[in-house]
Amino acid sequence: SPASVEVLTGSLDSVEYVQSILQEVDMVFHLAAAKRGSISEVLHGTLTTSRVLLDAVRSMSVRPRMVLVSSIAVYATATLADGSVVDESSPLEDSSTLRDLYTYTKRQQERIFRDYHQRHNIPLVVLRPGVIYGSGAAALPSNRVGFGPKYGMYFLFGGNNPLPLVHVENCAQAIDFVAMQDRF
């Protein structure tokens, strides 16, 4: 039978608030990341809020399973040979400060989650989808393509540069599939 889902809107700025909403929760899907704003806003909206969530979870006697949805951006694709396949065994970016702020924060977010997983025995699985497309804001092509809709056209620079596209519905199905597995 389908699981019961209750959607709550709130802030991940208070451990006490997060503790109060996590009572009797079996699983947390963490998809939050700040993608816009100043550097401090993006760091806060991705890293500080992740720590608040994890501090709330580690204080619980029965810890929910954590599903962190990260990003394919954390892979060190610049170091791969031409024609390489990116998969779970691919190296992760160690020089994410040389890339964009999003890559840096997602890589740091994964480090924080893995640290809490190891030190506090918090059940964790990390997923790294590619470029998500579909309805709404996800309907727009990735900025990896080039110029956006305000210019009325898109250009692909760099020759053969395939995009790791995933439709939003396929991504949701994959997240659901992983979450329903017994092993974490």
N, C-alpha and C. Protein backbone atom coordinates (compact mmCIF):
# COMPACT_ATOMS: atom_id res chain seq x y z
N SER A 1 0.85 -1.19 0.00
CA SER A 1 0.00 0.00 0.00
C SER A 1 0.89 1.24 0.00
N PRO A 2 0.43 2.32 -0.61
CA PRO A 2 1.23 3.54 -0.68
C PRO A 2 1.48 4.10 0.72
N ALA A 3 2.65 4.67 0.88
CA ALA A 3 3.01 5.28 2.15
C ALA A 3 2.22 6.56 2.35
N SER A 4 2.02 6.91 3.60
CA SER A 4 1.36 8.15 3.94
C SER A 4 2.39 9.27 3.87
N VAL A 5 2.06 10.33 3.17
CA VAL A 5 2.97 11.46 3.04
C VAL A 5 2.26 12.71 3.56
N GLU A 6 2.94 13.39 4.47
CA GLU A 6 2.44 14.66 4.97
C GLU A 6 3.47 15.72 4.62
N VAL A 7 3.05 16.77 3.98
CA VAL A 7 3.95 17.84 3.58
C VAL A 7 3.82 18.98 4.58
N LEU A 8 4.97 19.39 5.13
CA LEU A 8 5.01 20.50 6.07
C LEU A 8 5.90 21.59 5.49
N THR A 9 5.51 22.81 5.68
CA THR A 9 6.32 23.94 5.25
C THR A 9 6.89 24.60 6.49
N GLY A 10 8.18 24.81 6.48
CA GLY A 10 8.81 25.44 7.64
C GLY A 10 10.24 25.77 7.32
N SER A 11 11.00 26.04 8.36
CA SER A 11 12.37 26.45 8.21
C SER A 11 13.29 25.44 8.89
N LEU A 12 14.45 25.22 8.29
CA LEU A 12 15.45 24.36 8.89
C LEU A 12 16.47 25.20 9.66
N ASP A 13 16.00 26.24 10.30
CA ASP A 13 16.90 27.13 11.05
C ASP A 13 16.91 26.84 12.55
N SER A 14 16.06 25.94 13.03
CA SER A 14 15.97 25.67 14.45
C SER A 14 15.95 24.17 14.71
N VAL A 15 16.91 23.70 15.51
CA VAL A 15 16.95 22.27 15.85
C VAL A 15 15.66 21.88 16.56
N GLU A 16 15.17 22.72 17.45
CA GLU A 16 13.96 22.41 18.21
C GLU A 16 12.75 22.26 17.28
N TYR A 17 12.63 23.16 16.32
CA TYR A 17 11.52 23.06 15.37
C TYR A 17 11.62 21.77 14.55
N VAL A 18 12.81 21.47 14.06
CA VAL A 18 13.00 20.27 13.26
C VAL A 18 12.71 19.03 14.09
N GLN A 19 13.16 19.00 15.35
CA GLN A 19 12.86 17.88 16.23
C GLN A 19 11.35 17.70 16.38
N SER A 20 10.64 18.79 16.52
CA SER A 20 9.18 18.71 16.72
C SER A 20 8.46 18.14 15.51
N ILE A 21 8.95 18.43 14.30
CA ILE A 21 8.25 17.90 13.12
C ILE A 21 8.71 16.51 12.73
N LEU A 22 9.84 16.06 13.29
CA LEU A 22 10.35 14.73 12.93
C LEU A 22 9.83 13.61 13.83
N GLN A 23 9.04 13.95 14.83
CA GLN A 23 8.50 12.91 15.70
C GLN A 23 7.70 11.91 14.86
N GLU A 24 8.01 10.63 15.02
CA GLU A 24 7.34 9.53 14.32
C GLU A 24 7.57 9.53 12.81
N VAL A 25 8.61 10.19 12.35
CA VAL A 25 8.97 10.19 10.93
C VAL A 25 9.95 9.05 10.70
N ASP A 26 9.69 8.23 9.68
CA ASP A 26 10.54 7.08 9.36
C ASP A 26 11.64 7.42 8.37
N MET A 27 11.38 8.39 7.50
CA MET A 27 12.33 8.69 6.44
C MET A 27 12.26 10.17 6.09
N VAL A 28 13.46 10.75 5.85
CA VAL A 28 13.55 12.15 5.46
C VAL A 28 14.19 12.20 4.08
N PHE A 29 13.54 12.86 3.15
CA PHE A 29 14.08 13.12 1.82
C PHE A 29 14.61 14.55 1.85
N HIS A 30 15.92 14.70 1.79
CA HIS A 30 16.52 16.03 1.85
C HIS A 30 16.94 16.45 0.45
N LEU A 31 16.15 17.33 -0.15
CA LEU A 31 16.42 17.83 -1.49
C LEU A 31 16.76 19.31 -1.47
N ALA A 32 16.87 19.88 -0.29
CA ALA A 32 17.04 21.33 -0.17
C ALA A 32 18.46 21.77 -0.45
N ALA A 33 18.56 22.84 -1.22
CA ALA A 33 19.83 23.51 -1.47
C ALA A 33 19.51 24.90 -1.99
N ALA A 34 20.22 25.87 -1.49
CA ALA A 34 20.05 27.23 -1.99
C ALA A 34 20.83 27.36 -3.29
N LYS A 35 20.18 27.85 -4.32
CA LYS A 35 20.84 27.99 -5.62
C LYS A 35 21.02 29.45 -6.02
N ARG A 36 20.43 30.36 -5.25
CA ARG A 36 20.50 31.78 -5.58
C ARG A 36 20.79 32.59 -4.32
N GLY A 37 21.28 33.78 -4.53
CA GLY A 37 21.54 34.68 -3.42
C GLY A 37 23.03 34.94 -3.28
N SER A 38 23.35 35.63 -2.21
CA SER A 38 24.75 35.93 -1.93
C SER A 38 25.46 34.63 -1.52
N ILE A 39 26.77 34.69 -1.47
CA ILE A 39 27.53 33.51 -1.05
C ILE A 39 27.09 33.06 0.33
N SER A 40 26.94 33.99 1.26
CA SER A 40 26.53 33.61 2.61
C SER A 40 25.12 33.03 2.64
N GLU A 41 24.22 33.54 1.80
CA GLU A 41 22.86 32.98 1.74
C GLU A 41 22.87 31.56 1.19
N VAL A 42 23.68 31.32 0.17
CA VAL A 42 23.75 29.98 -0.42
C VAL A 42 24.40 29.00 0.57
N LEU A 43 25.47 29.42 1.23
CA LEU A 43 26.11 28.56 2.23
C LEU A 43 25.15 28.25 3.37
N HIS A 44 24.45 29.26 3.86
CA HIS A 44 23.48 29.05 4.94
C HIS A 44 22.35 28.13 4.48
N GLY A 45 21.79 28.44 3.32
CA GLY A 45 20.62 27.70 2.83
C GLY A 45 20.92 26.25 2.46
N THR A 46 22.19 25.90 2.30
CA THR A 46 22.55 24.52 1.97
C THR A 46 23.27 23.84 3.13
N LEU A 47 24.28 24.47 3.68
CA LEU A 47 25.13 23.81 4.67
C LEU A 47 24.63 23.97 6.10
N THR A 48 24.32 25.18 6.51
CA THR A 48 23.85 25.39 7.89
C THR A 48 22.54 24.65 8.13
N THR A 49 21.62 24.75 7.20
CA THR A 49 20.34 24.06 7.38
C THR A 49 20.50 22.54 7.38
N SER A 50 21.48 22.03 6.63
CA SER A 50 21.74 20.59 6.66
C SER A 50 22.24 20.17 8.04
N ARG A 51 23.12 20.97 8.62
CA ARG A 51 23.61 20.66 9.97
C ARG A 51 22.49 20.71 11.00
N VAL A 52 21.60 21.68 10.88
CA VAL A 52 20.46 21.78 11.80
C VAL A 52 19.62 20.52 11.70
N LEU A 53 19.29 20.11 10.47
CA LEU A 53 18.52 18.89 10.27
C LEU A 53 19.22 17.69 10.90
N LEU A 54 20.50 17.53 10.63
CA LEU A 54 21.24 16.39 11.15
C LEU A 54 21.41 16.45 12.66
N ASP A 55 21.57 17.63 13.24
CA ASP A 55 21.62 17.75 14.70
C ASP A 55 20.30 17.31 15.33
N ALA A 56 19.21 17.67 14.70
CA ALA A 56 17.90 17.23 15.20
C ALA A 56 17.77 15.71 15.10
N VAL A 57 18.20 15.14 13.99
CA VAL A 57 18.09 13.69 13.80
C VAL A 57 18.99 12.94 14.78
N ARG A 58 20.20 13.41 15.00
CA ARG A 58 21.11 12.67 15.89
C ARG A 58 20.64 12.69 17.33
N SER A 59 19.82 13.64 17.70
CA SER A 59 19.30 13.70 19.08
C SER A 59 18.12 12.75 19.30
N MET A 60 17.63 12.13 18.24
CA MET A 60 16.47 11.25 18.34
C MET A 60 16.90 9.85 18.75
N SER A 61 16.08 9.19 19.56
CA SER A 61 16.42 7.83 19.97
C SER A 61 16.25 6.85 18.81
N VAL A 62 15.23 7.06 17.99
CA VAL A 62 15.04 6.27 16.77
C VAL A 62 15.22 7.23 15.60
N ARG A 63 16.30 7.03 14.87
CA ARG A 63 16.64 7.97 13.80
C ARG A 63 15.99 7.56 12.48
N PRO A 64 15.39 8.54 11.80
CA PRO A 64 14.81 8.23 10.49
C PRO A 64 15.90 7.96 9.47
N ARG A 65 15.54 7.22 8.44
CA ARG A 65 16.46 7.00 7.32
C ARG A 65 16.54 8.30 6.53
N MET A 66 17.75 8.65 6.10
CA MET A 66 17.98 9.89 5.38
C MET A 66 18.29 9.59 3.92
N VAL A 67 17.56 10.23 3.03
CA VAL A 67 17.84 10.17 1.60
C VAL A 67 18.28 11.57 1.18
N LEU A 68 19.57 11.71 0.91
CA LEU A 68 20.10 12.99 0.46
C LEU A 68 20.15 12.99 -1.06
N VAL A 69 19.46 13.93 -1.66
CA VAL A 69 19.52 14.08 -3.11
C VAL A 69 20.55 15.16 -3.39
N SER A 70 21.69 14.72 -3.89
CA SER A 70 22.81 15.61 -4.18
C SER A 70 22.76 15.98 -5.65
N SER A 71 23.87 15.89 -6.35
CA SER A 71 23.93 16.31 -7.74
C SER A 71 25.09 15.64 -8.46
N ILE A 72 24.90 15.41 -9.73
CA ILE A 72 25.99 14.89 -10.56
C ILE A 72 27.15 15.88 -10.61
N ALA A 73 26.89 17.12 -10.23
CA ALA A 73 27.92 18.16 -10.25
C ALA A 73 29.08 17.85 -9.33
N VAL A 74 28.91 16.95 -8.36
CA VAL A 74 29.99 16.67 -7.40
C VAL A 74 31.07 15.76 -7.97
N TYR A 75 30.84 15.20 -9.15
CA TYR A 75 31.86 14.34 -9.75
C TYR A 75 32.97 15.18 -10.39
N ALA A 76 34.18 14.69 -10.33
CA ALA A 76 35.35 15.38 -10.91
C ALA A 76 35.44 15.04 -12.39
N THR A 77 34.48 15.49 -13.15
CA THR A 77 34.41 15.12 -14.57
C THR A 77 35.55 15.70 -15.40
N ALA A 78 36.15 16.79 -14.97
CA ALA A 78 37.24 17.39 -15.74
C ALA A 78 38.47 16.49 -15.75
N THR A 79 38.58 15.59 -14.79
CA THR A 79 39.75 14.71 -14.71
C THR A 79 39.55 13.40 -15.46
N LEU A 80 38.35 13.17 -15.97
CA LEU A 80 38.07 11.91 -16.64
C LEU A 80 38.56 11.93 -18.08
N ALA A 81 38.95 10.78 -18.57
CA ALA A 81 39.37 10.65 -19.97
C ALA A 81 38.15 10.80 -20.88
N ASP A 82 38.39 11.24 -22.11
CA ASP A 82 37.30 11.34 -23.09
C ASP A 82 36.60 9.99 -23.21
N GLY A 83 35.28 10.02 -23.26
CA GLY A 83 34.49 8.80 -23.41
C GLY A 83 34.24 8.06 -22.12
N SER A 84 34.73 8.55 -20.99
CA SER A 84 34.50 7.89 -19.70
C SER A 84 33.02 7.94 -19.33
N VAL A 85 32.60 6.94 -18.59
CA VAL A 85 31.24 6.89 -18.07
C VAL A 85 31.28 7.36 -16.62
N VAL A 86 30.36 8.24 -16.26
CA VAL A 86 30.26 8.71 -14.88
C VAL A 86 29.31 7.78 -14.15
N ASP A 87 29.82 7.15 -13.09
CA ASP A 87 29.00 6.29 -12.24
C ASP A 87 29.48 6.42 -10.80
N GLU A 88 28.96 5.58 -9.92
CA GLU A 88 29.27 5.69 -8.49
C GLU A 88 30.76 5.52 -8.18
N SER A 89 31.51 4.90 -9.09
CA SER A 89 32.94 4.71 -8.83
C SER A 89 33.78 5.88 -9.36
N SER A 90 33.17 6.83 -10.02
CA SER A 90 33.89 7.99 -10.54
C SER A 90 34.40 8.85 -9.39
N PRO A 91 35.55 9.50 -9.58
CA PRO A 91 36.10 10.34 -8.50
C PRO A 91 35.21 11.56 -8.24
N LEU A 92 35.18 11.96 -6.97
CA LEU A 92 34.43 13.15 -6.59
C LEU A 92 35.34 14.37 -6.66
N GLU A 93 34.74 15.51 -6.85
CA GLU A 93 35.47 16.77 -7.01
C GLU A 93 36.16 17.14 -5.70
N ASP A 94 37.47 17.29 -5.75
CA ASP A 94 38.23 17.76 -4.59
C ASP A 94 38.54 19.24 -4.70
N SER A 95 38.46 19.79 -5.90
CA SER A 95 38.76 21.20 -6.13
C SER A 95 37.49 21.96 -6.46
N SER A 96 36.41 21.68 -5.69
CA SER A 96 35.13 22.30 -6.02
C SER A 96 35.15 23.81 -5.87
N THR A 97 36.13 24.36 -5.17
CA THR A 97 36.23 25.82 -5.08
C THR A 97 36.64 26.41 -6.42
N LEU A 98 37.21 25.58 -7.31
CA LEU A 98 37.57 26.06 -8.64
C LEU A 98 36.37 26.04 -9.58
N ARG A 99 35.28 25.45 -9.12
CA ARG A 99 34.06 25.41 -9.93
C ARG A 99 33.05 26.39 -9.36
N ASP A 100 31.79 26.17 -9.61
CA ASP A 100 30.78 27.11 -9.15
C ASP A 100 30.38 26.87 -7.69
N LEU A 101 29.67 27.84 -7.12
CA LEU A 101 29.25 27.78 -5.73
C LEU A 101 28.32 26.59 -5.48
N TYR A 102 27.46 26.28 -6.44
CA TYR A 102 26.55 25.14 -6.29
C TYR A 102 27.33 23.84 -6.11
N THR A 103 28.33 23.62 -6.94
CA THR A 103 29.15 22.41 -6.83
C THR A 103 29.84 22.37 -5.46
N TYR A 104 30.39 23.48 -5.05
CA TYR A 104 31.06 23.54 -3.75
C TYR A 104 30.09 23.17 -2.62
N THR A 105 28.91 23.80 -2.60
CA THR A 105 27.99 23.54 -1.49
C THR A 105 27.45 22.12 -1.52
N LYS A 106 27.16 21.58 -2.70
CA LYS A 106 26.67 20.19 -2.76
C LYS A 106 27.74 19.21 -2.30
N ARG A 107 28.99 19.46 -2.66
CA ARG A 107 30.08 18.59 -2.22
C ARG A 107 30.26 18.67 -0.71
N GLN A 108 30.21 19.89 -0.16
CA GLN A 108 30.32 20.06 1.29
C GLN A 108 29.12 19.44 2.00
N GLN A 109 27.94 19.58 1.41
CA GLN A 109 26.74 18.99 2.00
C GLN A 109 26.89 17.47 2.11
N GLU A 110 27.40 16.85 1.06
CA GLU A 110 27.64 15.40 1.12
C GLU A 110 28.64 15.06 2.21
N ARG A 111 29.68 15.85 2.35
CA ARG A 111 30.68 15.59 3.41
C ARG A 111 30.04 15.67 4.79
N ILE A 112 29.20 16.66 5.00
CA ILE A 112 28.52 16.81 6.29
C ILE A 112 27.64 15.60 6.56
N PHE A 113 26.84 15.21 5.59
CA PHE A 113 25.95 14.05 5.77
C PHE A 113 26.74 12.78 6.04
N ARG A 114 27.82 12.56 5.30
CA ARG A 114 28.63 11.35 5.53
C ARG A 114 29.29 11.37 6.91
N ASP A 115 29.72 12.53 7.36
CA ASP A 115 30.31 12.65 8.69
C ASP A 115 29.28 12.27 9.76
N TYR A 116 28.08 12.82 9.69
CA TYR A 116 27.04 12.49 10.66
C TYR A 116 26.65 11.01 10.56
N HIS A 117 26.61 10.49 9.36
CA HIS A 117 26.31 9.07 9.16
C HIS A 117 27.32 8.20 9.91
N GLN A 118 28.59 8.52 9.74
CA GLN A 118 29.64 7.72 10.38
C GLN A 118 29.73 7.94 11.88
N ARG A 119 29.67 9.18 12.32
CA ARG A 119 29.87 9.48 13.75
C ARG A 119 28.63 9.22 14.60
N HIS A 120 27.42 9.32 13.99
CA HIS A 120 26.20 9.23 14.79
C HIS A 120 25.27 8.11 14.32
N ASN A 121 25.77 7.26 13.44
CA ASN A 121 24.99 6.11 12.98
C ASN A 121 23.62 6.51 12.41
N ILE A 122 23.62 7.54 11.60
CA ILE A 122 22.39 7.97 10.94
C ILE A 122 22.29 7.24 9.61
N PRO A 123 21.22 6.47 9.40
CA PRO A 123 21.07 5.75 8.13
C PRO A 123 21.02 6.72 6.95
N LEU A 124 21.83 6.46 5.92
CA LEU A 124 21.97 7.42 4.83
C LEU A 124 22.15 6.73 3.49
N VAL A 125 21.51 7.29 2.48
CA VAL A 125 21.80 6.97 1.10
C VAL A 125 21.88 8.30 0.35
N VAL A 126 22.83 8.40 -0.58
CA VAL A 126 23.04 9.63 -1.35
C VAL A 126 22.76 9.33 -2.81
N LEU A 127 21.94 10.16 -3.43
CA LEU A 127 21.63 10.04 -4.86
C LEU A 127 22.18 11.26 -5.57
N ARG A 128 22.65 11.06 -6.81
CA ARG A 128 23.24 12.16 -7.58
C ARG A 128 22.63 12.22 -8.97
N PRO A 129 21.44 12.77 -9.09
CA PRO A 129 20.83 12.86 -10.43
C PRO A 129 21.57 13.84 -11.32
N GLY A 130 21.36 13.67 -12.62
CA GLY A 130 21.93 14.57 -13.61
C GLY A 130 21.10 15.83 -13.71
N VAL A 131 21.10 16.42 -14.87
CA VAL A 131 20.35 17.65 -15.13
C VAL A 131 18.87 17.28 -15.24
N ILE A 132 18.07 17.78 -14.30
CA ILE A 132 16.65 17.43 -14.24
C ILE A 132 15.87 18.37 -15.15
N TYR A 133 15.00 17.78 -15.97
CA TYR A 133 14.14 18.59 -16.82
C TYR A 133 12.72 18.04 -16.72
N GLY A 134 11.76 18.84 -17.12
CA GLY A 134 10.35 18.43 -17.06
C GLY A 134 9.46 19.64 -17.06
N SER A 135 8.46 19.64 -16.20
CA SER A 135 7.52 20.75 -16.17
C SER A 135 8.02 21.86 -15.25
N GLY A 136 7.40 23.02 -15.34
CA GLY A 136 7.77 24.14 -14.49
C GLY A 136 9.15 24.67 -14.82
N ALA A 137 9.88 25.07 -13.77
CA ALA A 137 11.23 25.62 -13.97
C ALA A 137 12.15 24.59 -14.58
N ALA A 138 11.89 23.30 -14.31
CA ALA A 138 12.73 22.24 -14.86
C ALA A 138 12.53 22.06 -16.36
N ALA A 139 11.54 22.76 -16.94
CA ALA A 139 11.30 22.64 -18.38
C ALA A 139 12.36 23.37 -19.20
N LEU A 140 13.06 24.30 -18.57
CA LEU A 140 14.08 25.05 -19.28
C LEU A 140 15.36 24.22 -19.41
N PRO A 141 16.02 24.31 -20.54
CA PRO A 141 17.27 23.58 -20.69
C PRO A 141 18.32 24.06 -19.68
N SER A 142 19.27 23.21 -19.40
CA SER A 142 20.35 23.53 -18.48
C SER A 142 21.17 24.69 -19.01
N ASN A 143 21.76 25.46 -18.08
CA ASN A 143 22.65 26.54 -18.51
C ASN A 143 23.92 25.99 -19.12
N ARG A 144 24.13 24.68 -19.05
CA ARG A 144 25.27 24.06 -19.72
C ARG A 144 25.13 24.13 -21.24
N VAL A 145 23.89 24.35 -21.70
CA VAL A 145 23.65 24.42 -23.13
C VAL A 145 24.19 25.72 -23.70
N GLY A 146 24.12 26.79 -22.94
CA GLY A 146 24.60 28.08 -23.42
C GLY A 146 23.63 29.17 -23.06
N PHE A 147 23.36 30.05 -24.01
CA PHE A 147 22.45 31.16 -23.77
C PHE A 147 21.04 30.65 -23.52
N GLY A 148 20.30 31.39 -22.70
CA GLY A 148 18.97 30.95 -22.31
C GLY A 148 17.85 31.59 -23.08
N PRO A 149 16.61 31.38 -22.58
CA PRO A 149 15.41 31.81 -23.30
C PRO A 149 15.31 33.31 -23.50
N LYS A 150 15.98 34.09 -22.67
CA LYS A 150 15.90 35.54 -22.85
C LYS A 150 16.53 35.94 -24.18
N TYR A 151 17.42 35.11 -24.72
CA TYR A 151 18.04 35.36 -26.02
C TYR A 151 17.29 34.67 -27.16
N GLY A 152 16.33 33.79 -26.81
CA GLY A 152 15.53 33.11 -27.83
C GLY A 152 16.23 31.97 -28.54
N MET A 153 17.40 31.56 -28.04
CA MET A 153 18.10 30.45 -28.69
C MET A 153 19.07 29.82 -27.70
N TYR A 154 19.52 28.63 -28.06
CA TYR A 154 20.50 27.91 -27.24
C TYR A 154 21.67 27.51 -28.12
N PHE A 155 22.86 27.56 -27.57
CA PHE A 155 24.06 27.13 -28.28
C PHE A 155 24.80 26.13 -27.42
N LEU A 156 25.29 25.08 -28.04
CA LEU A 156 26.11 24.11 -27.34
C LEU A 156 27.55 24.37 -27.71
N PHE A 157 28.35 24.78 -26.71
CA PHE A 157 29.75 25.05 -26.94
C PHE A 157 30.58 23.84 -26.54
N GLY A 158 31.68 23.61 -27.19
CA GLY A 158 32.61 22.58 -26.77
C GLY A 158 32.47 21.27 -27.53
N GLY A 159 31.86 21.27 -28.68
CA GLY A 159 31.78 20.04 -29.48
C GLY A 159 30.83 19.02 -28.89
N ASN A 160 31.25 17.77 -28.89
CA ASN A 160 30.41 16.69 -28.40
C ASN A 160 30.40 16.73 -26.88
N ASN A 161 29.36 17.32 -26.33
CA ASN A 161 29.26 17.52 -24.89
C ASN A 161 27.87 17.08 -24.43
N PRO A 162 27.65 15.75 -24.33
CA PRO A 162 26.30 15.28 -23.99
C PRO A 162 25.90 15.72 -22.58
N LEU A 163 24.63 16.06 -22.44
CA LEU A 163 24.10 16.46 -21.14
C LEU A 163 23.54 15.22 -20.42
N PRO A 164 23.80 15.09 -19.14
CA PRO A 164 23.26 13.96 -18.37
C PRO A 164 21.83 14.26 -17.93
N LEU A 165 20.89 14.22 -18.87
CA LEU A 165 19.51 14.60 -18.60
C LEU A 165 18.74 13.49 -17.90
N VAL A 166 17.85 13.90 -17.01
CA VAL A 166 16.91 12.98 -16.37
C VAL A 166 15.58 13.72 -16.21
N HIS A 167 14.50 13.09 -16.65
CA HIS A 167 13.18 13.71 -16.53
C HIS A 167 12.77 13.71 -15.06
N VAL A 168 12.10 14.77 -14.64
CA VAL A 168 11.72 14.93 -13.24
C VAL A 168 10.91 13.73 -12.73
N GLU A 169 10.04 13.16 -13.56
CA GLU A 169 9.24 12.00 -13.11
C GLU A 169 10.13 10.76 -12.95
N ASN A 170 11.09 10.57 -13.84
CA ASN A 170 12.02 9.45 -13.70
C ASN A 170 12.88 9.62 -12.45
N CYS A 171 13.28 10.84 -12.19
CA CYS A 171 14.07 11.13 -11.00
C CYS A 171 13.27 10.80 -9.74
N ALA A 172 12.02 11.22 -9.71
CA ALA A 172 11.16 10.92 -8.55
C ALA A 172 10.98 9.42 -8.38
N GLN A 173 10.80 8.69 -9.48
CA GLN A 173 10.66 7.24 -9.39
C GLN A 173 11.93 6.59 -8.86
N ALA A 174 13.08 7.08 -9.27
CA ALA A 174 14.35 6.53 -8.80
C ALA A 174 14.53 6.80 -7.30
N ILE A 175 14.18 8.00 -6.86
CA ILE A 175 14.27 8.33 -5.43
C ILE A 175 13.35 7.41 -4.64
N ASP A 176 12.13 7.21 -5.13
CA ASP A 176 11.17 6.33 -4.47
C ASP A 176 11.70 4.89 -4.42
N PHE A 177 12.26 4.42 -5.53
CA PHE A 177 12.80 3.06 -5.58
C PHE A 177 13.88 2.84 -4.53
N VAL A 178 14.83 3.77 -4.46
CA VAL A 178 15.92 3.65 -3.50
C VAL A 178 15.39 3.72 -2.08
N ALA A 179 14.45 4.60 -1.83
CA ALA A 179 13.91 4.75 -0.48
C ALA A 179 13.19 3.49 0.02
N MET A 180 12.66 2.72 -0.89
CA MET A 180 11.90 1.53 -0.50
C MET A 180 12.80 0.30 -0.27
N GLN A 181 14.08 0.45 -0.49
CA GLN A 181 15.01 -0.68 -0.26
C GLN A 181 15.22 -0.86 1.24
N ASP A 182 15.46 -2.10 1.63
CA ASP A 182 15.66 -2.41 3.05
C ASP A 182 17.03 -1.99 3.54
N ARG A 183 18.02 -1.99 2.68
CA ARG A 183 19.38 -1.68 3.10
C ARG A 183 19.66 -0.19 3.00
N PHE A 184 20.21 0.34 4.05
CA PHE A 184 20.65 1.75 4.07
C PHE A 184 22.03 1.79 4.64
